[in-house]
PDB file of N, CA and C in Angstrom:
ATOM      1  N   MET A   1      72.021  87.417  86.271  1.00  0.00           N
ATOM      2  CA  MET A   1      72.147  88.554  85.383  1.00  0.00           C
ATOM      3  C   MET A   1      71.344  89.715  85.954  1.00  0.00           C
ATOM      4  N   ALA A   2      71.879  90.906  85.766  1.00  0.00           N
ATOM      5  CA  ALA A   2      71.211  92.101  86.272  1.00  0.00           C
ATOM      6  C   ALA A   2      69.907  92.322  85.521  1.00  0.00           C
ATOM      7  N   ASN A   3      68.859  92.671  86.258  1.00  0.00           N
ATOM      8  CA  ASN A   3      67.583  92.863  85.586  1.00  0.00           C
ATOM      9  C   ASN A   3      66.959  94.232  85.833  1.00  0.00           C
ATOM     10  N   THR A   4      67.707  95.123  86.461  1.00  0.00           N
ATOM     11  CA  THR A   4      67.216  96.497  86.596  1.00  0.00           C
ATOM     12  C   THR A   4      68.178  97.425  85.852  1.00  0.00           C
ATOM     13  N   LYS A   5      67.664  98.586  85.503  1.00  0.00           N
ATOM     14  CA  LYS A   5      68.463  99.534  84.735  1.00  0.00           C
ATOM     15  C   LYS A   5      69.712  99.972  85.509  1.00  0.00           C
ATOM     16  N   SER A   6      69.525 100.224  86.801  1.00  0.00           N
ATOM     17  CA  SER A   6      70.658 100.681  87.611  1.00  0.00           C
ATOM     18  C   SER A   6      71.709  99.573  87.768  1.00  0.00           C
ATOM     19  N   ALA A   7      71.263  98.329  87.877  1.00  0.00           N
ATOM     20  CA  ALA A   7      72.203  97.208  88.018  1.00  0.00           C
ATOM     21  C   ALA A   7      73.001  97.012  86.733  1.00  0.00           C
ATOM     22  N   ILE A   8      72.365  97.204  85.604  1.00  0.00           N
ATOM     23  CA  ILE A   8      73.052  97.093  84.312  1.00  0.00           C
ATOM     24  C   ILE A   8      74.117  98.185  84.190  1.00  0.00           C
ATOM     25  N   LYS A   9      73.773  99.414  84.625  1.00  0.00           N
ATOM     26  CA  LYS A   9      74.728 100.515  84.590  1.00  0.00           C
ATOM     27  C   LYS A   9      75.922 100.226  85.513  1.00  0.00           C
ATOM     28  N   ARG A  10      75.635  99.668  86.676  1.00  0.00           N
ATOM     29  CA  ARG A  10      76.702  99.346  87.623  1.00  0.00           C
ATOM     30  C   ARG A  10      77.652  98.301  87.037  1.00  0.00           C
ATOM     31  N   ILE A  11      77.117  97.337  86.315  1.00  0.00           N
ATOM     32  CA  ILE A  11      77.967  96.315  85.689  1.00  0.00           C
ATOM     33  C   ILE A  11      78.915  96.968  84.694  1.00  0.00           C
ATOM     34  N   ARG A  12      78.391  97.911  83.903  1.00  0.00           N
ATOM     35  CA  ARG A  12      79.243  98.627  82.942  1.00  0.00           C
ATOM     36  C   ARG A  12      80.327  99.413  83.664  1.00  0.00           C
ATOM     37  N   ARG A  13      79.949 100.091  84.721  1.00  0.00           N
ATOM     38  CA  ARG A  13      80.893 100.914  85.475  1.00  0.00           C
ATOM     39  C   ARG A  13      81.970 100.051  86.127  1.00  0.00           C
ATOM     40  N   ILE A  14      81.569  98.936  86.707  1.00  0.00           N
ATOM     41  CA  ILE A  14      82.511  98.042  87.377  1.00  0.00           C
ATOM     42  C   ILE A  14      83.512  97.475  86.382  1.00  0.00           C
ATOM     43  N   SER A  15      83.043  97.133  85.188  1.00  0.00           N
ATOM     44  CA  SER A  15      83.975  96.574  84.201  1.00  0.00           C
ATOM     45  C   SER A  15      84.998  97.617  83.755  1.00  0.00           C
ATOM     46  N   ARG A  16      84.558  98.880  83.610  1.00  0.00           N
ATOM     47  CA  ARG A  16      85.505  99.951  83.258  1.00  0.00           C
ATOM     48  C   ARG A  16      86.505 100.162  84.391  1.00  0.00           C
ATOM     49  N   GLN A  17      86.016 100.180  85.618  1.00  0.00           N
ATOM     50  CA  GLN A  17      86.881 100.418  86.766  1.00  0.00           C
ATOM     51  C   GLN A  17      87.868  99.270  86.961  1.00  0.00           C
ATOM     52  N   THR A  18      87.444  98.041  86.668  1.00  0.00           N
ATOM     53  CA  THR A  18      88.334  96.894  86.779  1.00  0.00           C
ATOM     54  C   THR A  18      89.507  97.035  85.822  1.00  0.00           C
ATOM     55  N   ALA A  19      89.237  97.516  84.619  1.00  0.00           N
ATOM     56  CA  ALA A  19      90.307  97.731  83.639  1.00  0.00           C
ATOM     57  C   ALA A  19      91.294  98.778  84.140  1.00  0.00           C
ATOM     58  N   VAL A  20      90.784  99.861  84.711  1.00  0.00           N
ATOM     59  CA  VAL A  20      91.643 100.915  85.246  1.00  0.00           C
ATOM     60  C   VAL A  20      92.489 100.378  86.397  1.00  0.00           C
ATOM     61  N   ASN A  21      91.876  99.594  87.279  1.00  0.00           N
ATOM     62  CA  ASN A  21      92.595  99.034  88.419  1.00  0.00           C
ATOM     63  C   ASN A  21      93.704  98.094  87.967  1.00  0.00           C
ATOM     64  N   LYS A  22      93.444  97.309  86.916  1.00  0.00           N
ATOM     65  CA  LYS A  22      94.475  96.398  86.402  1.00  0.00           C
ATOM     66  C   LYS A  22      95.664  97.177  85.871  1.00  0.00           C
ATOM     67  N   ILE A  23      95.394  98.280  85.179  1.00  0.00           N
ATOM     68  CA  ILE A  23      96.474  99.123  84.660  1.00  0.00           C
ATOM     69  C   ILE A  23      97.305  99.682  85.805  1.00  0.00           C
ATOM     70  N   ARG A  24      96.641 100.171  86.838  1.00  0.00           N
ATOM     71  CA  ARG A  24      97.353 100.749  87.979  1.00  0.00           C
ATOM     72  C   ARG A  24      98.184  99.693  88.711  1.00  0.00           C
ATOM     73  N   LYS A  25      97.613  98.508  88.910  1.00  0.00           N
ATOM     74  CA  LYS A  25      98.330  97.418  89.582  1.00  0.00           C
ATOM     75  C   LYS A  25      99.562  97.022  88.772  1.00  0.00           C
ATOM     76  N   SER A  26      99.400  97.001  87.454  1.00  0.00           N
ATOM     77  CA  SER A  26     100.503  96.667  86.563  1.00  0.00           C
ATOM     78  C   SER A  26     101.610  97.718  86.655  1.00  0.00           C
ATOM     79  N   LYS A  27     101.224  98.999  86.698  1.00  0.00           N
ATOM     80  CA  LYS A  27     102.205 100.082  86.853  1.00  0.00           C
ATOM     81  C   LYS A  27     102.983  99.913  88.149  1.00  0.00           C
ATOM     82  N   PHE A  28     102.274  99.570  89.221  1.00  0.00           N
ATOM     83  CA  PHE A  28     102.890  99.365  90.530  1.00  0.00           C
ATOM     84  C   PHE A  28     103.943  98.262  90.459  1.00  0.00           C
ATOM     85  N   LYS A  29     103.569  97.137  89.861  1.00  0.00           N
ATOM     86  CA  LYS A  29     104.495  96.009  89.762  1.00  0.00           C
ATOM     87  C   LYS A  29     105.689  96.356  88.877  1.00  0.00           C
ATOM     88  N   ASN A  30     105.423  97.054  87.761  1.00  0.00           N
ATOM     89  CA  ASN A  30     106.500  97.388  86.835  1.00  0.00           C
ATOM     90  C   ASN A  30     107.512  98.349  87.438  1.00  0.00           C
ATOM     91  N   VAL A  31     107.030  99.336  88.205  1.00  0.00           N
ATOM     92  CA  VAL A  31     107.950 100.309  88.797  1.00  0.00           C
ATOM     93  C   VAL A  31     108.823  99.629  89.857  1.00  0.00           C
ATOM     94  N   ILE A  32     108.265  98.679  90.587  1.00  0.00           N
ATOM     95  CA  ILE A  32     109.050  97.943  91.584  1.00  0.00           C
ATOM     96  C   ILE A  32     110.074  97.046  90.890  1.00  0.00           C
ATOM     97  N   LYS A  33     109.649  96.379  89.811  1.00  0.00           N
ATOM     98  CA  LYS A  33     110.577  95.526  89.063  1.00  0.00           C
ATOM     99  C   LYS A  33     111.733  96.339  88.493  1.00  0.00           C
ATOM    100  N   LYS A  34     111.424  97.517  87.957  1.00  0.00           N
ATOM    101  CA  LYS A  34     112.459  98.363  87.364  1.00  0.00           C
ATOM    102  C   LYS A  34     113.476  98.776  88.424  1.00  0.00           C
ATOM    103  N   MET A  35     112.991  99.170  89.593  1.00  0.00           N
ATOM    104  CA  MET A  35     113.888  99.588  90.659  1.00  0.00           C
ATOM    105  C   MET A  35     114.735  98.418  91.148  1.00  0.00           C
ATOM    106  N   ASN A  36     114.125  97.252  91.300  1.00  0.00           N
ATOM    107  CA  ASN A  36     114.879  96.074  91.743  1.00  0.00           C
ATOM    108  C   ASN A  36     115.934  95.679  90.713  1.00  0.00           C
ATOM    109  N   LEU A  37     115.621  95.858  89.445  1.00  0.00           N
ATOM    110  CA  LEU A  37     116.590  95.568  88.387  1.00  0.00           C
ATOM    111  C   LEU A  37     117.803  96.497  88.506  1.00  0.00           C
ATOM    112  N   LEU A  38     117.550  97.776  88.772  1.00  0.00           N
ATOM    113  CA  LEU A  38     118.651  98.729  88.962  1.00  0.00           C
ATOM    114  C   LEU A  38     119.502  98.350  90.178  1.00  0.00           C
ATOM    115  N   LEU A  39     118.830  97.906  91.240  1.00  0.00           N
ATOM    116  CA  LEU A  39     119.552  97.541  92.458  1.00  0.00           C
ATOM    117  C   LEU A  39     120.363  96.259  92.266  1.00  0.00           C
ATOM    118  N   ASP A  40     119.797  95.304  91.551  1.00  0.00           N
ATOM    119  CA  ASP A  40     120.504  94.044  91.318  1.00  0.00           C
ATOM    120  C   ASP A  40     121.749  94.251  90.464  1.00  0.00           C
ATOM    121  N   SER A  41     121.675  95.215  89.547  1.00  0.00           N
ATOM    122  CA  SER A  41     122.838  95.484  88.700  1.00  0.00           C
ATOM    123  C   SER A  41     123.777  96.510  89.327  1.00  0.00           C
ATOM    124  N   LYS A  42     123.535  96.850  90.598  1.00  0.00           N
ATOM    125  CA  LYS A  42     124.395  97.742  91.387  1.00  0.00           C
ATOM    126  C   LYS A  42     124.575  99.121  90.749  1.00  0.00           C
ATOM    127  N   LYS A  43     123.529  99.647  90.161  1.00  0.00           N
ATOM    128  CA  LYS A  43     123.585 100.978  89.544  1.00  0.00           C
ATOM    129  C   LYS A  43     123.010 101.999  90.528  1.00  0.00           C
ATOM    130  N   LYS A  44     123.839 102.411  91.472  1.00  0.00           N
ATOM    131  CA  LYS A  44     123.370 103.304  92.530  1.00  0.00           C
ATOM    132  C   LYS A  44     122.967 104.672  91.980  1.00  0.00           C
ATOM    133  N   LYS A  45     123.751 105.205  91.049  1.00  0.00           N
ATOM    134  CA  LYS A  45     123.474 106.530  90.511  1.00  0.00           C
ATOM    135  C   LYS A  45     122.109 106.570  89.818  1.00  0.00           C
ATOM    136  N   GLU A  46     121.848 105.561  88.979  1.00  0.00           N
ATOM    137  CA  GLU A  46     120.564 105.499  88.282  1.00  0.00           C
ATOM    138  C   GLU A  46     119.409 105.273  89.258  1.00  0.00           C
ATOM    139  N   ALA A  47     119.657 104.430  90.267  1.00  0.00           N
ATOM    140  CA  ALA A  47     118.623 104.152  91.266  1.00  0.00           C
ATOM    141  C   ALA A  47     118.267 105.421  92.037  1.00  0.00           C
ATOM    142  N   LEU A  48     119.279 106.214  92.388  1.00  0.00           N
ATOM    143  CA  LEU A  48     119.022 107.464  93.104  1.00  0.00           C
ATOM    144  C   LEU A  48     118.249 108.457  92.247  1.00  0.00           C
ATOM    145  N   SER A  49     118.557 108.498  90.965  1.00  0.00           N
ATOM    146  CA  SER A  49     117.828 109.423  90.095  1.00  0.00           C
ATOM    147  C   SER A  49     116.407 108.948  89.826  1.00  0.00           C
ATOM    148  N   PHE A  50     116.176 107.641  89.887  1.00  0.00           N
ATOM    149  CA  PHE A  50     114.834 107.081  89.655  1.00  0.00           C
ATOM    150  C   PHE A  50     113.979 107.098  90.926  1.00  0.00           C
ATOM    151  N   LEU A  51     114.612 107.264  92.090  1.00  0.00           N
ATOM    152  CA  LEU A  51     113.903 107.185  93.371  1.00  0.00           C
ATOM    153  C   LEU A  51     112.738 108.168  93.511  1.00  0.00           C
ATOM    154  N   PRO A  52     112.872 109.453  93.155  1.00  0.00           N
ATOM    155  CA  PRO A  52     111.715 110.353  93.284  1.00  0.00           C
ATOM    156  C   PRO A  52     110.523 109.928  92.431  1.00  0.00           C
ATOM    157  N   LYS A  53     110.785 109.481  91.204  1.00  0.00           N
ATOM    158  CA  LYS A  53     109.710 109.002  90.330  1.00  0.00           C
ATOM    159  C   LYS A  53     109.083 107.741  90.909  1.00  0.00           C
ATOM    160  N   PHE A  54     109.930 106.872  91.470  1.00  0.00           N
ATOM    161  CA  PHE A  54     109.456 105.639  92.109  1.00  0.00           C
ATOM    162  C   PHE A  54     108.513 105.966  93.262  1.00  0.00           C
ATOM    163  N   ASN A  55     108.953 106.881  94.156  1.00  0.00           N
ATOM    164  CA  ASN A  55     108.118 107.281  95.298  1.00  0.00           C
ATOM    165  C   ASN A  55     106.790 107.854  94.826  1.00  0.00           C
ATOM    166  N   SER A  56     106.853 108.723  93.832  1.00  0.00           N
ATOM    167  CA  SER A  56     105.661 109.375  93.314  1.00  0.00           C
ATOM    168  C   SER A  56     104.668 108.353  92.760  1.00  0.00           C
ATOM    169  N   GLU A  57     105.161 107.450  91.923  1.00  0.00           N
ATOM    170  CA  GLU A  57     104.281 106.445  91.307  1.00  0.00           C
ATOM    171  C   GLU A  57     103.645 105.542  92.364  1.00  0.00           C
ATOM    172  N   VAL A  58     104.463 105.072  93.298  1.00  0.00           N
ATOM    173  CA  VAL A  58     103.961 104.141  94.317  1.00  0.00           C
ATOM    174  C   VAL A  58     102.910 104.819  95.198  1.00  0.00           C
ATOM    175  N   MET A  59     103.158 106.064  95.614  1.00  0.00           N
ATOM    176  CA  MET A  59     102.196 106.736  96.481  1.00  0.00           C
ATOM    177  C   MET A  59     100.927 107.131  95.724  1.00  0.00           C
ATOM    178  N   LYS A  60     101.060 107.434  94.428  1.00  0.00           N
ATOM    179  CA  LYS A  60      99.879 107.737  93.610  1.00  0.00           C
ATOM    180  C   LYS A  60      98.959 106.519  93.549  1.00  0.00           C
ATOM    181  N   ILE A  61      99.562 105.352  93.389  1.00  0.00           N
ATOM    182  CA  ILE A  61      98.784 104.119  93.302  1.00  0.00           C
ATOM    183  C   ILE A  61      98.174 103.785  94.660  1.00  0.00           C
ATOM    184  N   ALA A  62      98.924 104.043  95.733  1.00  0.00           N
ATOM    185  CA  ALA A  62      98.405 103.780  97.079  1.00  0.00           C
ATOM    186  C   ALA A  62      97.233 104.701  97.390  1.00  0.00           C
ATOM    187  N   LYS A  63      97.299 105.937  96.893  1.00  0.00           N
ATOM    188  CA  LYS A  63      96.244 106.920  97.153  1.00  0.00           C
ATOM    189  C   LYS A  63      94.910 106.459  96.568  1.00  0.00           C
ATOM    190  N   THR A  64      94.973 105.743  95.443  1.00  0.00           N
ATOM    191  CA  THR A  64      93.738 105.281  94.809  1.00  0.00           C
ATOM    192  C   THR A  64      93.186 104.012  95.453  1.00  0.00           C
ATOM    193  N   GLY A  65      93.981 103.384  96.330  1.00  0.00           N
ATOM    194  CA  GLY A  65      93.490 102.222  97.054  1.00  0.00           C
ATOM    195  C   GLY A  65      93.784 100.893  96.380  1.00  0.00           C
ATOM    196  N   ILE A  66      94.610 100.891  95.353  1.00  0.00           N
ATOM    197  CA  ILE A  66      94.966  99.644  94.685  1.00  0.00           C
ATOM    198  C   ILE A  66      95.812  98.791  95.622  1.00  0.00           C
ATOM    199  N   VAL A  67      96.764  99.434  96.288  1.00  0.00           N
ATOM    200  CA  VAL A  67      97.498  98.803  97.385  1.00  0.00           C
ATOM    201  C   VAL A  67      97.340  99.716  98.593  1.00  0.00           C
ATOM    202  N   LYS A  68      97.493  99.148  99.765  1.00  0.00           N
ATOM    203  CA  LYS A  68      97.338  99.956 100.975  1.00  0.00           C
ATOM    204  C   LYS A  68      98.525 100.888 101.146  1.00  0.00           C
ATOM    205  N   LYS A  69      98.289 101.995 101.834  1.00  0.00           N
ATOM    206  CA  LYS A  69      99.345 102.990 102.034  1.00  0.00           C
ATOM    207  C   LYS A  69     100.521 102.400 102.814  1.00  0.00           C
ATOM    208  N   GLN A  70     100.227 101.537 103.760  1.00  0.00           N
ATOM    209  CA  GLN A  70     101.292 100.909 104.537  1.00  0.00           C
ATOM    210  C   GLN A  70     102.160 100.031 103.641  1.00  0.00           C
ATOM    211  N   ASN A  71     101.537  99.329 102.716  1.00  0.00           N
ATOM    212  CA  ASN A  71     102.262  98.489 101.760  1.00  0.00           C
ATOM    213  C   ASN A  71     103.200  99.344 100.907  1.00  0.00           C
ATOM    214  N   ALA A  72     102.704 100.463 100.417  1.00  0.00           N
ATOM    215  CA  ALA A  72     103.509 101.367  99.598  1.00  0.00           C
ATOM    216  C   ALA A  72     104.671 101.928 100.409  1.00  0.00           C
ATOM    217  N   SER A  73     104.408 102.349 101.622  1.00  0.00           N
ATOM    218  CA  SER A  73     105.451 102.904 102.485  1.00  0.00           C
ATOM    219  C   SER A  73     106.524 101.862 102.784  1.00  0.00           C
ATOM    220  N   ARG A  74     106.087 100.646 103.017  1.00  0.00           N
ATOM    221  CA  ARG A  74     107.031  99.556 103.297  1.00  0.00           C
ATOM    222  C   ARG A  74     107.940  99.309 102.094  1.00  0.00           C
ATOM    223  N   ASN A  75     107.354  99.292 100.893  1.00  0.00           N
ATOM    224  CA  ASN A  75     108.146  99.096  99.686  1.00  0.00           C
ATOM    225  C   ASN A  75     109.163 100.219  99.493  1.00  0.00           C
ATOM    226  N   ILE A  76     108.720 101.452  99.693  1.00  0.00           N
ATOM    227  CA  ILE A  76     109.618 102.602  99.545  1.00  0.00           C
ATOM    228  C   ILE A  76     110.752 102.521 100.563  1.00  0.00           C
ATOM    229  N   SER A  77     110.418 102.177 101.785  1.00  0.00           N
ATOM    230  CA  SER A  77     111.412 102.087 102.845  1.00  0.00           C
ATOM    231  C   SER A  77     112.462 101.023 102.530  1.00  0.00           C
ATOM    232  N   ARG A  78     112.015  99.859 102.097  1.00  0.00           N
ATOM    233  CA  ARG A  78     112.948  98.774 101.799  1.00  0.00           C
ATOM    234  C   ARG A  78     113.855  99.129 100.626  1.00  0.00           C
ATOM    235  N   ILE A  79     113.277  99.737  99.597  1.00  0.00           N
ATOM    236  CA  ILE A  79     114.067 100.132  98.424  1.00  0.00           C
ATOM    237  C   ILE A  79     115.112 101.175  98.822  1.00  0.00           C
ATOM    238  N   THR A  80     114.711 102.144  99.646  1.00  0.00           N
ATOM    239  CA  THR A  80     115.634 103.199 100.078  1.00  0.00           C
ATOM    240  C   THR A  80     116.788 102.611 100.893  1.00  0.00           C
ATOM    241  N   ARG A  81     116.472 101.664 101.753  1.00  0.00           N
ATOM    242  CA  ARG A  81     117.521 101.006 102.539  1.00  0.00           C
ATOM    243  C   ARG A  81     118.491 100.252 101.638  1.00  0.00           C
ATOM    244  N   LYS A  82     117.949  99.588 100.612  1.00  0.00           N
ATOM    245  CA  LYS A  82     118.815  98.849  99.672  1.00  0.00           C
ATOM    246  C   LYS A  82     119.740  99.800  98.919  1.00  0.00           C
ATOM    247  N   ILE A  83     119.201 100.955  98.526  1.00  0.00           N
ATOM    248  CA  ILE A  83     120.015 101.944  97.804  1.00  0.00           C
ATOM    249  C   ILE A  83     121.147 102.437  98.715  1.00  0.00           C
ATOM    250  N   ASN A  84     120.832 102.739  99.961  1.00  0.00           N
ATOM    251  CA  ASN A  84     121.844 103.229 100.890  1.00  0.00           C
ATOM    252  C   ASN A  84     122.900 102.185 101.194  1.00  0.00           C
ATOM    253  N   ALA A  85     122.510 100.896 101.108  1.00  0.00           N
ATOM    254  CA  ALA A  85     123.453  99.819 101.394  1.00  0.00           C
ATOM    255  C   ALA A  85     124.430  99.583 100.239  1.00  0.00           C
ATOM    256  N   LEU A  86     124.102 100.080  99.034  1.00  0.00           N
ATOM    257  CA  LEU A  86     124.999  99.881  97.877  1.00  0.00           C
ATOM    258  C   LEU A  86     126.313 100.625  98.058  1.00  0.00           C
TER     259      LEU A  86
END
């Protein structure tokens, strides 16, 4: 257990930040699931209209360091290729 004032403050800060990170990670997973659902149901028009929001959300999350930028870019690239293949 933390026994200094600064260590106690850090524990509080870390717990708040962990909650924020979980929300961001969840957003990342949900946006990918939503896009994959559109692709599986062969809705190209909806997928194309959702693509800018998808890119924005994924890169916003990558910018904060929840996932690496390369991971985000790879996901965007694969999704874009799937849309073009429809």
